[in-house]
Amino acid sequence: MFFCMKKFFLLTVAGLMAGALCASAQPPMGMGQMPPMGQMPEGMEMPKILTPEEKTAEMTQKYNLTDEQQAAVLELNKKYDGKLELRMEQQTEQRDFRKMTDAEREQFMNEMMSRMNEMQEKQAEIEKNQKAYENDLSSILDKKQLRKYRTDQRRAEAERQQAMQRGFGGGGMMPPGGGFPGGGFPGGGFGGPGGF
């Protein structure tokens, strides 16, 4: 599950970077074009981030929690609030990469790489927190509830993966071979030669 989430994260970062590089000077989005930076591809939405209370209420209904379990899950959800998902920050303004000077391009790419590194560090921390959360949750839920929780998590991950495939390549968003002339993305990957 965590590998799939990491792949989802990397695909999102690549999409945002590609959007930042080429979207602002493009005509309105059509087939084979990336959405502007900070926007998800058509048909995809950022998942709603629930408050600890909303998450607990949802879990209470799905897993038929007792009052004691509900109180323990609420405390757990408060403890991990904001630590289990990547929350997208306000995106920077769009700039036309083709109109930048070489120095501006270099600075822009350095900023993007720095942001990507920060996001990768955050993702590693999130994965660690998700494992700890599930471990703590396993001491609250009974075996049947925990099995249903894990099944639901796998199903949600599969749905995210399907949405990513539809949005980034599977649904005609990307031209054959990837998102840049010659195919793929810089360094390969995401549809180009040697990519994943």
Protein backbone atom coordinates (compact mmCIF):
# COMPACT_ATOMS: atom_id res chain seq x y z
CA MET A 1 0.00 0.00 0.00
CA PHE A 2 2.79 2.42 0.87
CA PHE A 3 4.59 1.77 -2.45
CA CYS A 4 1.39 2.68 -4.32
CA MET A 5 1.01 5.85 -2.24
CA LYS A 6 4.61 6.77 -3.01
CA LYS A 7 3.96 6.23 -6.73
CA PHE A 8 0.79 8.38 -6.45
CA PHE A 9 2.85 11.07 -4.73
CA LEU A 10 5.59 10.99 -7.37
CA LEU A 11 3.06 11.12 -10.20
CA THR A 12 1.38 14.13 -8.57
CA VAL A 13 4.71 15.92 -8.11
CA ALA A 14 5.71 15.20 -11.71
CA GLY A 15 2.37 16.48 -12.95
CA LEU A 16 2.70 19.66 -10.94
CA MET A 17 6.26 20.22 -12.14
CA ALA A 18 5.32 19.59 -15.75
CA GLY A 19 2.37 21.94 -15.38
CA ALA A 20 4.63 24.62 -14.00
CA LEU A 21 7.01 24.22 -16.89
CA CYS A 22 4.62 24.37 -19.79
CA ALA A 23 1.02 25.22 -18.91
CA SER A 24 0.92 28.99 -18.61
CA ALA A 25 1.64 29.82 -22.25
CA GLN A 26 -0.47 27.05 -23.71
CA PRO A 27 -3.88 27.45 -25.31
CA PRO A 28 -6.87 26.12 -23.33
CA MET A 29 -6.31 22.55 -22.22
CA GLY A 30 -7.17 19.85 -24.70
CA MET A 31 -6.04 16.33 -25.37
CA GLY A 32 -2.39 15.74 -24.58
CA GLN A 33 -1.92 18.83 -22.42
CA MET A 34 -1.13 19.02 -18.74
CA PRO A 35 -3.34 21.05 -16.41
CA PRO A 36 -1.97 24.28 -14.94
CA MET A 37 0.19 23.90 -11.86
CA GLY A 38 -1.88 23.40 -8.74
CA GLN A 39 -4.80 21.87 -10.62
CA MET A 40 -5.59 18.20 -10.88
CA PRO A 41 -6.25 16.59 -14.26
CA GLU A 42 -9.83 16.45 -15.45
CA GLY A 43 -11.84 13.85 -13.57
CA MET A 44 -9.49 13.87 -10.58
CA GLU A 45 -10.05 15.65 -7.31
CA MET A 46 -7.86 16.15 -4.30
CA PRO A 47 -9.28 13.97 -1.54
CA LYS A 48 -11.19 15.86 1.15
CA ILE A 49 -9.23 15.97 4.37
CA LEU A 50 -11.51 15.10 7.27
CA THR A 51 -11.29 16.61 10.73
CA PRO A 52 -10.58 14.14 13.55
CA GLU A 53 -14.25 14.30 14.52
CA GLU A 54 -15.46 13.66 10.95
CA LYS A 55 -13.01 10.80 10.52
CA THR A 56 -14.11 9.26 13.83
CA ALA A 57 -17.79 9.57 12.92
CA GLU A 58 -17.12 7.89 9.57
CA MET A 59 -15.15 5.09 11.21
CA THR A 60 -17.83 4.65 13.89
CA GLN A 61 -20.43 4.09 11.20
CA LYS A 62 -18.26 1.87 8.95
CA TYR A 63 -16.83 -0.34 11.68
CA ASN A 64 -19.63 -0.21 14.26
CA LEU A 65 -17.37 1.11 17.03
CA THR A 66 -18.41 0.88 20.66
CA ASP A 67 -18.51 4.07 22.72
CA GLU A 68 -15.16 3.12 24.28
CA GLN A 69 -13.59 2.44 20.87
CA GLN A 70 -15.04 5.67 19.50
CA ALA A 71 -13.42 7.71 22.28
CA ALA A 72 -10.07 5.97 21.76
CA VAL A 73 -10.23 6.41 17.96
CA LEU A 74 -11.08 10.11 18.37
CA GLU A 75 -7.99 10.60 20.55
CA LEU A 76 -5.90 8.69 18.01
CA ASN A 77 -7.28 10.77 15.13
CA LYS A 78 -6.50 13.97 17.04
CA LYS A 79 -2.96 12.73 17.75
CA TYR A 80 -2.32 12.10 14.04
CA ASP A 81 -4.30 15.05 12.64
CA GLY A 82 -2.35 16.55 9.73
CA LYS A 83 0.31 13.83 9.94
CA LEU A 84 -1.23 11.17 7.69
CA GLU A 85 -1.68 12.96 4.39
CA LEU A 86 0.21 15.34 2.18
CA ARG A 87 -1.53 18.67 2.29
CA MET A 88 -0.91 20.68 -0.82
CA GLU A 89 0.40 24.16 -0.19
CA GLN A 90 -0.65 27.22 -2.11
CA GLN A 91 0.98 26.98 -5.49
CA THR A 92 3.30 29.64 -6.83
CA GLU A 93 2.25 31.82 -9.72
CA GLN A 94 2.49 30.32 -13.17
CA ARG A 95 5.33 31.51 -15.31
CA ASP A 96 6.12 30.91 -18.95
CA PHE A 97 9.27 28.82 -18.93
CA ARG A 98 10.05 29.77 -22.52
CA LYS A 99 10.20 33.49 -21.70
CA MET A 100 12.61 33.07 -18.78
CA THR A 101 16.26 33.91 -19.01
CA ASP A 102 18.73 31.10 -18.42
CA ALA A 103 19.37 32.40 -14.89
CA GLU A 104 15.62 32.54 -14.16
CA ARG A 105 15.16 29.00 -15.49
CA GLU A 106 17.99 27.72 -13.35
CA GLN A 107 16.60 29.46 -10.26
CA PHE A 108 13.10 28.16 -11.02
CA MET A 109 14.33 24.58 -11.47
CA ASN A 110 16.38 24.79 -8.27
CA GLU A 111 13.28 26.00 -6.41
CA MET A 112 11.19 23.19 -7.91
CA MET A 113 13.81 20.57 -6.99
CA SER A 114 13.99 21.95 -3.47
CA ARG A 115 10.20 21.78 -3.16
CA MET A 116 10.20 18.26 -4.56
CA ASN A 117 12.85 17.17 -2.04
CA GLU A 118 10.81 18.72 0.78
CA MET A 119 7.72 16.89 -0.44
CA GLN A 120 9.62 13.59 -0.58
CA GLU A 121 10.79 14.11 3.01
CA LYS A 122 7.21 14.87 4.04
CA GLN A 123 6.03 11.74 2.23
CA ALA A 124 8.56 9.59 4.11
CA GLU A 125 7.34 11.08 7.40
CA ILE A 126 3.72 10.44 6.38
CA GLU A 127 4.46 6.79 5.60
CA LYS A 128 6.11 6.38 9.01
CA ASN A 129 3.09 8.00 10.69
CA GLN A 130 0.64 5.83 8.73
CA LYS A 131 2.37 2.68 9.96
CA ALA A 132 2.34 3.96 13.55
CA TYR A 133 -1.34 4.97 13.22
CA GLU A 134 -2.35 1.53 11.99
CA ASN A 135 -0.31 -0.10 14.73
CA ASP A 136 -2.07 2.05 17.37
CA LEU A 137 -5.43 1.42 15.72
CA SER A 138 -4.86 -2.34 15.86
CA SER A 139 -4.87 -2.13 19.66
CA ILE A 140 -8.30 -0.42 19.59
CA LEU A 141 -10.23 -2.37 16.95
CA ASP A 142 -11.13 -6.04 17.16
CA LYS A 143 -9.83 -8.43 14.48
CA LYS A 144 -12.97 -8.23 12.33
CA GLN A 145 -13.02 -4.40 12.42
CA LEU A 146 -9.30 -4.20 11.67
CA ARG A 147 -9.64 -6.59 8.71
CA LYS A 148 -12.47 -4.46 7.28
CA TYR A 149 -10.41 -1.27 7.87
CA ARG A 150 -7.44 -2.74 5.98
CA THR A 151 -9.69 -3.93 3.16
CA ASP A 152 -11.17 -0.44 2.88
CA GLN A 153 -7.68 1.11 2.81
CA ARG A 154 -6.58 -1.22 -0.01
CA ARG A 155 -9.77 -0.44 -1.95
CA ALA A 156 -9.27 3.33 -1.54
CA GLU A 157 -5.66 3.00 -2.70
CA ALA A 158 -6.75 1.03 -5.78
CA GLU A 159 -9.31 3.73 -6.60
CA ARG A 160 -6.61 6.43 -6.28
CA GLN A 161 -4.37 4.44 -8.60
CA GLN A 162 -7.15 4.07 -11.17
CA ALA A 163 -7.82 7.81 -11.01
CA MET A 164 -4.12 8.49 -11.53
CA GLN A 165 -4.04 6.17 -14.54
CA ARG A 166 -7.06 7.90 -16.05
CA GLY A 167 -5.62 11.35 -15.33
CA PHE A 168 -2.01 10.72 -16.29
CA GLY A 169 -1.90 8.64 -19.41
CA GLY A 170 -4.63 6.05 -19.15
CA GLY A 171 -7.38 8.44 -20.21
CA GLY A 172 -5.67 10.21 -23.07
CA MET A 173 -4.28 13.11 -21.04
CA MET A 174 -0.70 12.54 -22.09
CA PRO A 175 0.42 12.19 -25.69
CA PRO A 176 1.99 8.86 -26.62
CA GLY A 177 5.50 8.62 -25.19
CA GLY A 178 4.98 11.17 -22.42
CA GLY A 179 4.61 14.85 -21.83
CA PHE A 180 7.57 16.48 -23.58
CA PRO A 181 8.68 16.56 -27.19
CA GLY A 182 10.65 13.40 -27.87
CA GLY A 183 8.65 11.51 -25.25
CA GLY A 184 8.66 11.19 -21.51
CA PHE A 185 9.84 13.59 -18.87
CA PRO A 186 13.33 14.83 -18.14
CA GLY A 187 15.29 11.92 -16.73
CA GLY A 188 12.83 9.38 -18.16
CA GLY A 189 9.78 7.99 -16.40
CA PHE A 190 6.06 8.46 -16.67
CA GLY A 191 5.67 7.11 -20.16
CA GLY A 192 9.05 7.85 -21.70
CA PRO A 193 11.77 5.38 -22.57
CA GLY A 194 12.88 3.54 -19.47
CA GLY A 195 10.10 5.10 -17.38
CA PHE A 196 7.79 3.43 -14.90
